[in-house]
Amino acid sequence: MIINIVLWIAGIALIAVGYQRGRGPWARYQALREQDANASRYNAWRGGIRDDSTTGASVAMAILRRQAQRAAGIGFAGIVLVVLGFLIK
């Protein structure tokens, strides 16, 4: 019984930490992605050829995506601990 409570508390804590760590990078990633899509639409409307080389924004998007993925992994580990807390008898 005590192990269940410990697993639940640890799982909830990991879910909260994952959410806190992932919220900021995910929001910034979405904003950069929208700006990139807007620039693509503008260049298509203008008729110009878009340079698809690596930019600072694309590097930032990759970093932010990795940070959000790590945070999601932490949250997933928390979910696993909560489920284990219910399964262990």
C-alpha atoms as a PDB file:
ATOM      1  CA  MET A   1       0.000   0.000   0.000  1.00  0.00           C
ATOM      2  CA  ILE A   2       2.790   2.438   0.839  1.00  0.00           C
ATOM      3  CA  ILE A   3       4.566   1.642  -2.436  1.00  0.00           C
ATOM      4  CA  ASN A   4       1.392   2.543  -4.340  1.00  0.00           C
ATOM      5  CA  ILE A   5       1.201   5.949  -2.690  1.00  0.00           C
ATOM      6  CA  VAL A   6       4.893   6.596  -3.341  1.00  0.00           C
ATOM      7  CA  LEU A   7       4.471   5.671  -7.005  1.00  0.00           C
ATOM      8  CA  TRP A   8       1.387   7.898  -7.338  1.00  0.00           C
ATOM      9  CA  ILE A   9       3.113  10.881  -5.741  1.00  0.00           C
ATOM     10  CA  ALA A  10       6.268  10.391  -7.823  1.00  0.00           C
ATOM     11  CA  GLY A  11       4.195   9.952 -10.976  1.00  0.00           C
ATOM     12  CA  ILE A  12       2.133  13.068 -10.362  1.00  0.00           C
ATOM     13  CA  ALA A  13       5.304  15.014  -9.608  1.00  0.00           C
ATOM     14  CA  LEU A  14       6.905  13.850 -12.874  1.00  0.00           C
ATOM     15  CA  ILE A  15       3.781  14.741 -14.839  1.00  0.00           C
ATOM     16  CA  ALA A  16       3.810  18.232 -13.320  1.00  0.00           C
ATOM     17  CA  VAL A  17       7.534  18.690 -14.011  1.00  0.00           C
ATOM     18  CA  GLY A  18       7.114  17.490 -17.590  1.00  0.00           C
ATOM     19  CA  TYR A  19       4.223  19.870 -18.155  1.00  0.00           C
ATOM     20  CA  GLN A  20       6.112  22.828 -16.700  1.00  0.00           C
ATOM     21  CA  ARG A  21       9.251  22.085 -18.718  1.00  0.00           C
ATOM     22  CA  GLY A  22       7.393  21.473 -21.963  1.00  0.00           C
ATOM     23  CA  ARG A  23       4.856  24.274 -21.962  1.00  0.00           C
ATOM     24  CA  GLY A  24       7.265  27.115 -22.830  1.00  0.00           C
ATOM     25  CA  PRO A  25       9.314  25.429 -25.569  1.00  0.00           C
ATOM     26  CA  TRP A  26       6.191  23.993 -27.201  1.00  0.00           C
ATOM     27  CA  ALA A  27       4.475  27.396 -27.347  1.00  0.00           C
ATOM     28  CA  ARG A  28       7.579  29.049 -28.803  1.00  0.00           C
ATOM     29  CA  TYR A  29       8.006  26.204 -31.308  1.00  0.00           C
ATOM     30  CA  GLN A  30       4.420  26.651 -32.491  1.00  0.00           C
ATOM     31  CA  ALA A  31       4.949  30.412 -32.885  1.00  0.00           C
ATOM     32  CA  LEU A  32       8.128  29.896 -34.935  1.00  0.00           C
ATOM     33  CA  ARG A  33       6.405  27.275 -37.061  1.00  0.00           C
ATOM     34  CA  GLU A  34       3.548  29.667 -37.782  1.00  0.00           C
ATOM     35  CA  GLN A  35       6.000  32.426 -38.735  1.00  0.00           C
ATOM     36  CA  ASP A  36       7.789  30.016 -41.070  1.00  0.00           C
ATOM     37  CA  ALA A  37       4.507  29.005 -42.696  1.00  0.00           C
ATOM     38  CA  ASN A  38       3.567  32.664 -43.073  1.00  0.00           C
ATOM     39  CA  ALA A  39       6.889  33.420 -44.774  1.00  0.00           C
ATOM     40  CA  SER A  40       6.332  30.466 -47.114  1.00  0.00           C
ATOM     41  CA  ARG A  41       2.868  31.711 -48.052  1.00  0.00           C
ATOM     42  CA  TYR A  42       4.215  35.218 -48.639  1.00  0.00           C
ATOM     43  CA  ASN A  43       7.031  33.982 -50.882  1.00  0.00           C
ATOM     44  CA  ALA A  44       4.599  31.787 -52.819  1.00  0.00           C
ATOM     45  CA  TRP A  45       2.266  34.758 -53.281  1.00  0.00           C
ATOM     46  CA  ARG A  46       5.178  36.966 -54.329  1.00  0.00           C
ATOM     47  CA  GLY A  47       6.388  34.362 -56.755  1.00  0.00           C
ATOM     48  CA  GLY A  48       9.893  34.240 -55.361  1.00  0.00           C
ATOM     49  CA  ILE A  49      12.007  31.199 -54.810  1.00  0.00           C
ATOM     50  CA  ARG A  50      12.448  30.426 -51.162  1.00  0.00           C
ATOM     51  CA  ASP A  51      15.886  29.543 -49.916  1.00  0.00           C
ATOM     52  CA  ASP A  52      15.486  26.286 -47.977  1.00  0.00           C
ATOM     53  CA  SER A  53      18.917  26.352 -46.371  1.00  0.00           C
ATOM     54  CA  THR A  54      19.378  26.062 -42.621  1.00  0.00           C
ATOM     55  CA  THR A  55      18.430  29.237 -40.800  1.00  0.00           C
ATOM     56  CA  GLY A  56      18.662  30.332 -37.206  1.00  0.00           C
ATOM     57  CA  ALA A  57      14.915  29.877 -36.883  1.00  0.00           C
ATOM     58  CA  SER A  58      15.073  26.287 -38.135  1.00  0.00           C
ATOM     59  CA  VAL A  59      17.857  25.499 -35.660  1.00  0.00           C
ATOM     60  CA  ALA A  60      15.828  27.102 -32.859  1.00  0.00           C
ATOM     61  CA  MET A  61      12.775  25.080 -33.899  1.00  0.00           C
ATOM     62  CA  ALA A  62      14.801  21.862 -33.723  1.00  0.00           C
ATOM     63  CA  ILE A  63      16.119  22.747 -30.264  1.00  0.00           C
ATOM     64  CA  LEU A  64      12.668  23.691 -28.982  1.00  0.00           C
ATOM     65  CA  ARG A  65      11.152  20.510 -30.432  1.00  0.00           C
ATOM     66  CA  ARG A  66      13.799  18.396 -28.640  1.00  0.00           C
ATOM     67  CA  GLN A  67      13.146  20.213 -25.365  1.00  0.00           C
ATOM     68  CA  ALA A  68       9.408  19.612 -25.724  1.00  0.00           C
ATOM     69  CA  GLN A  69      10.018  15.941 -26.561  1.00  0.00           C
ATOM     70  CA  ARG A  70      12.177  15.505 -23.458  1.00  0.00           C
ATOM     71  CA  ALA A  71       9.486  17.105 -21.327  1.00  0.00           C
ATOM     72  CA  ALA A  72       6.890  14.802 -22.882  1.00  0.00           C
ATOM     73  CA  GLY A  73       9.123  11.852 -22.012  1.00  0.00           C
ATOM     74  CA  ILE A  74       9.270  12.992 -18.396  1.00  0.00           C
ATOM     75  CA  GLY A  75       5.485  13.312 -18.332  1.00  0.00           C
ATOM     76  CA  PHE A  76       5.094   9.880 -19.917  1.00  0.00           C
ATOM     77  CA  ALA A  77       7.368   8.384 -17.245  1.00  0.00           C
ATOM     78  CA  GLY A  78       5.081   9.947 -14.654  1.00  0.00           C
ATOM     79  CA  ILE A  79       2.045   8.379 -16.282  1.00  0.00           C
ATOM     80  CA  VAL A  80       3.791   5.006 -16.225  1.00  0.00           C
ATOM     81  CA  LEU A  81       4.508   5.386 -12.513  1.00  0.00           C
ATOM     82  CA  VAL A  82       0.882   6.277 -11.770  1.00  0.00           C
ATOM     83  CA  VAL A  83      -0.335   3.240 -13.719  1.00  0.00           C
ATOM     84  CA  LEU A  84       2.199   1.021 -11.939  1.00  0.00           C
ATOM     85  CA  GLY A  85       0.882   2.385  -8.642  1.00  0.00           C
ATOM     86  CA  PHE A  86      -2.537   1.071  -9.562  1.00  0.00           C
ATOM     87  CA  LEU A  87      -1.278  -2.276 -10.870  1.00  0.00           C
ATOM     88  CA  ILE A  88       0.985  -3.233  -7.972  1.00  0.00           C
ATOM     89  CA  LYS A  89      -0.934  -4.936  -5.177  1.00  0.00           C
END
